């Protein structure tokens, strides 16, 4: 690098960092949920869960691969943020989040199904705490993405909290 060349690296705001961390958090766990279903204990639970709920057997692989794909999309959007740019980050993150919404909505339905006993669920918990947690996190994340997409960049300076910028 030449001495006169300065590499520009914009600083992320605290909310942008939080959004990236939450994207990574959701992505990591979605990828983990999908990959864990290759292990015998989780594979058996997942298979029993599908059979007990009356879900067609051919939906086994799309469910598992959907979790893996959502996780990869979300993690890639965080890891390759600088390469991909803001627009591609938002596209990847939104696609991954929408997948998570669909997957976790189905998971809530399966948990609530009276034919599915708690013993066949991977965490052995009948109440859909984990799917609801991810539904809430993902919904908040999507809501924030829509809010920040509609925000004018100069508004961040107005909301900095200084006295002269506060409305009277």
Protein backbone atom coordinates (compact mmCIF):
# COMPACT_ATOMS: atom_id res chain seq x y z
CA UNK A 1 0.00 0.00 0.00
CA UNK A 2 1.35 3.46 -0.84
CA UNK A 3 2.00 5.91 1.97
CA UNK A 4 -0.47 8.40 0.53
CA UNK A 5 -3.29 5.84 0.17
CA UNK A 6 -5.87 5.78 2.92
CA UNK A 7 -8.25 2.86 3.10
CA UNK A 8 -11.79 4.01 3.88
CA UNK A 9 -13.58 1.92 6.45
CA UNK A 10 -16.83 3.45 7.67
CA UNK A 11 -17.59 2.97 11.34
CA UNK A 12 -20.78 1.16 12.10
CA UNK A 13 -23.26 2.74 14.46
CA UNK A 14 -24.16 0.90 17.65
CA UNK A 15 -27.53 -0.14 16.22
CA UNK A 16 -25.90 -1.39 13.00
CA UNK A 17 -23.49 -3.47 15.09
CA UNK A 18 -26.38 -4.83 17.14
CA UNK A 19 -28.21 -5.73 13.94
CA UNK A 20 -25.17 -7.57 12.59
CA UNK A 21 -24.66 -9.41 15.89
CA UNK A 22 -28.31 -10.45 15.98
CA UNK A 23 -28.07 -11.63 12.36
CA UNK A 24 -25.03 -13.71 13.27
CA UNK A 25 -26.73 -15.09 16.40
CA UNK A 26 -29.84 -16.19 14.52
CA UNK A 27 -27.74 -17.54 11.65
CA UNK A 28 -25.46 -19.56 13.92
CA UNK A 29 -28.33 -21.24 15.73
CA UNK A 30 -30.31 -21.94 12.56
CA UNK A 31 -27.25 -23.58 11.00
CA UNK A 32 -26.66 -25.52 14.22
CA UNK A 33 -30.31 -26.66 14.38
CA UNK A 34 -30.08 -27.93 10.79
CA UNK A 35 -26.70 -29.65 11.17
CA UNK A 36 -27.62 -31.27 14.50
CA UNK A 37 -30.40 -33.15 12.71
CA UNK A 38 -27.70 -35.24 11.01
CA UNK A 39 -26.73 -36.70 14.42
CA UNK A 40 -28.60 -39.91 15.34
CA UNK A 41 -30.38 -38.60 18.47
CA UNK A 42 -31.67 -35.46 16.77
CA UNK A 43 -32.40 -37.23 13.50
CA UNK A 44 -34.56 -39.76 15.34
CA UNK A 45 -36.38 -36.99 17.23
CA UNK A 46 -36.93 -34.97 14.07
CA UNK A 47 -38.24 -38.02 12.19
CA UNK A 48 -40.59 -38.90 15.08
CA UNK A 49 -41.72 -35.27 15.26
CA UNK A 50 -42.65 -35.27 11.56
CA UNK A 51 -44.43 -38.63 11.77
CA UNK A 52 -46.32 -37.69 14.97
CA UNK A 53 -47.51 -34.37 13.58
CA UNK A 54 -48.89 -36.00 10.44
CA UNK A 55 -46.60 -33.92 8.24
CA UNK A 56 -45.83 -35.64 4.93
CA UNK A 57 -42.49 -37.47 5.07
CA UNK A 58 -41.15 -35.73 1.96
CA UNK A 59 -40.94 -32.51 3.99
CA UNK A 60 -38.11 -33.95 6.12
CA UNK A 61 -35.29 -32.72 3.90
CA UNK A 62 -36.75 -29.32 2.96
CA UNK A 63 -37.17 -28.53 6.66
CA UNK A 64 -33.63 -29.48 7.57
CA UNK A 65 -32.06 -27.92 4.48
CA UNK A 66 -34.16 -24.78 5.01
CA UNK A 67 -32.62 -24.35 8.46
CA UNK A 68 -29.13 -24.85 7.06
CA UNK A 69 -29.75 -22.47 4.16
CA UNK A 70 -31.19 -19.78 6.45
CA UNK A 71 -28.17 -20.11 8.72
CA UNK A 72 -25.71 -19.90 5.84
CA UNK A 73 -27.46 -16.86 4.33
CA UNK A 74 -27.49 -15.02 7.63
CA UNK A 75 -23.91 -15.89 8.55
CA UNK A 76 -22.62 -15.07 5.08
CA UNK A 77 -24.36 -11.71 5.17
CA UNK A 78 -22.44 -10.90 8.36
CA UNK A 79 -19.08 -12.38 7.36
CA UNK A 80 -19.00 -10.94 3.84
CA UNK A 81 -20.60 -7.62 4.82
CA UNK A 82 -17.72 -5.49 3.53
CA UNK A 83 -17.42 -7.45 0.28
CA UNK A 84 -21.14 -7.72 -0.33
CA UNK A 85 -22.03 -4.16 0.57
CA UNK A 86 -25.07 -2.79 2.39
CA UNK A 87 -27.64 -3.68 -0.28
CA UNK A 88 -26.53 -7.31 -0.61
CA UNK A 89 -26.26 -7.64 3.17
CA UNK A 90 -29.87 -6.53 3.51
CA UNK A 91 -31.01 -8.84 0.71
CA UNK A 92 -29.25 -11.88 2.19
CA UNK A 93 -30.33 -11.04 5.73
CA UNK A 94 -33.95 -10.44 4.73
CA UNK A 95 -34.11 -13.70 2.73
CA UNK A 96 -32.59 -15.63 5.64
CA UNK A 97 -34.92 -13.97 8.15
CA UNK A 98 -37.99 -14.73 6.07
CA UNK A 99 -36.91 -18.38 5.91
CA UNK A 100 -36.51 -18.38 9.69
CA UNK A 101 -40.02 -16.94 10.09
CA UNK A 102 -41.52 -19.71 7.96
CA UNK A 103 -39.52 -22.48 9.64
CA UNK A 104 -40.21 -21.28 13.18
CA UNK A 105 -43.92 -20.72 12.45
CA UNK A 106 -44.14 -24.36 11.39
CA UNK A 107 -42.16 -25.37 14.49
CA UNK A 108 -44.68 -23.58 16.73
CA UNK A 109 -47.54 -25.40 15.00
CA UNK A 110 -45.78 -28.75 15.45
CA UNK A 111 -45.07 -28.04 19.13
CA UNK A 112 -48.72 -27.16 19.70
CA UNK A 113 -49.97 -30.31 17.94
CA UNK A 114 -51.50 -32.59 20.60
CA UNK A 115 -50.31 -35.68 18.69
CA UNK A 116 -46.66 -34.69 19.15
CA UNK A 117 -45.42 -35.73 22.61
CA UNK A 118 -42.65 -33.76 24.32
CA UNK A 119 -40.39 -36.83 24.20
CA UNK A 120 -40.02 -36.63 20.41
CA UNK A 121 -39.13 -32.94 20.40
CA UNK A 122 -35.36 -32.31 20.29
CA UNK A 123 -35.25 -30.24 23.52
CA UNK A 124 -37.98 -32.41 25.12
CA UNK A 125 -40.03 -29.25 25.83
CA UNK A 126 -43.67 -29.27 24.72
CA UNK A 127 -44.22 -25.51 24.98
CA UNK A 128 -42.76 -23.78 21.90
CA UNK A 129 -40.33 -21.55 23.84
CA UNK A 130 -37.41 -21.88 21.42
CA UNK A 131 -39.41 -21.38 18.21
CA UNK A 132 -41.26 -18.42 19.77
CA UNK A 133 -37.97 -16.87 20.89
CA UNK A 134 -36.61 -17.08 17.35
CA UNK A 135 -39.89 -15.81 15.89
CA UNK A 136 -39.71 -12.76 18.14
CA UNK A 137 -36.02 -12.11 17.47
CA UNK A 138 -36.47 -12.50 13.73
CA UNK A 139 -39.60 -10.35 13.66
CA UNK A 140 -37.80 -7.59 15.57
CA UNK A 141 -34.86 -7.90 13.22
CA UNK A 142 -37.07 -7.60 10.14
CA UNK A 143 -38.94 -4.67 11.67
CA UNK A 144 -35.65 -2.91 12.37
CA UNK A 145 -34.44 -3.60 8.82
CA UNK A 146 -37.59 -1.99 7.40
CA UNK A 147 -37.29 0.98 9.74
CA UNK A 148 -33.62 1.56 8.92
CA UNK A 149 -34.25 1.17 5.17
CA UNK A 150 -36.79 4.01 5.33
CA UNK A 151 -34.61 6.24 7.53
CA UNK A 152 -32.94 9.26 6.03
CA UNK A 153 -29.17 9.09 6.78
CA UNK A 154 -29.11 12.60 8.30
CA UNK A 155 -31.73 11.58 10.87
CA UNK A 156 -29.08 9.64 12.77
CA UNK A 157 -27.33 12.93 13.54
CA UNK A 158 -30.63 14.44 14.67
CA UNK A 159 -31.13 11.56 17.10
CA UNK A 160 -27.65 11.81 18.60
CA UNK A 161 -29.12 13.18 21.82
CA UNK A 162 -27.50 16.61 21.86
CA UNK A 163 -29.54 19.47 23.23
CA UNK A 164 -29.55 21.52 20.05
CA UNK A 165 -30.91 18.59 18.05
CA UNK A 166 -33.77 17.74 20.38
CA UNK A 167 -37.23 18.94 19.38
CA UNK A 168 -38.69 21.53 21.73
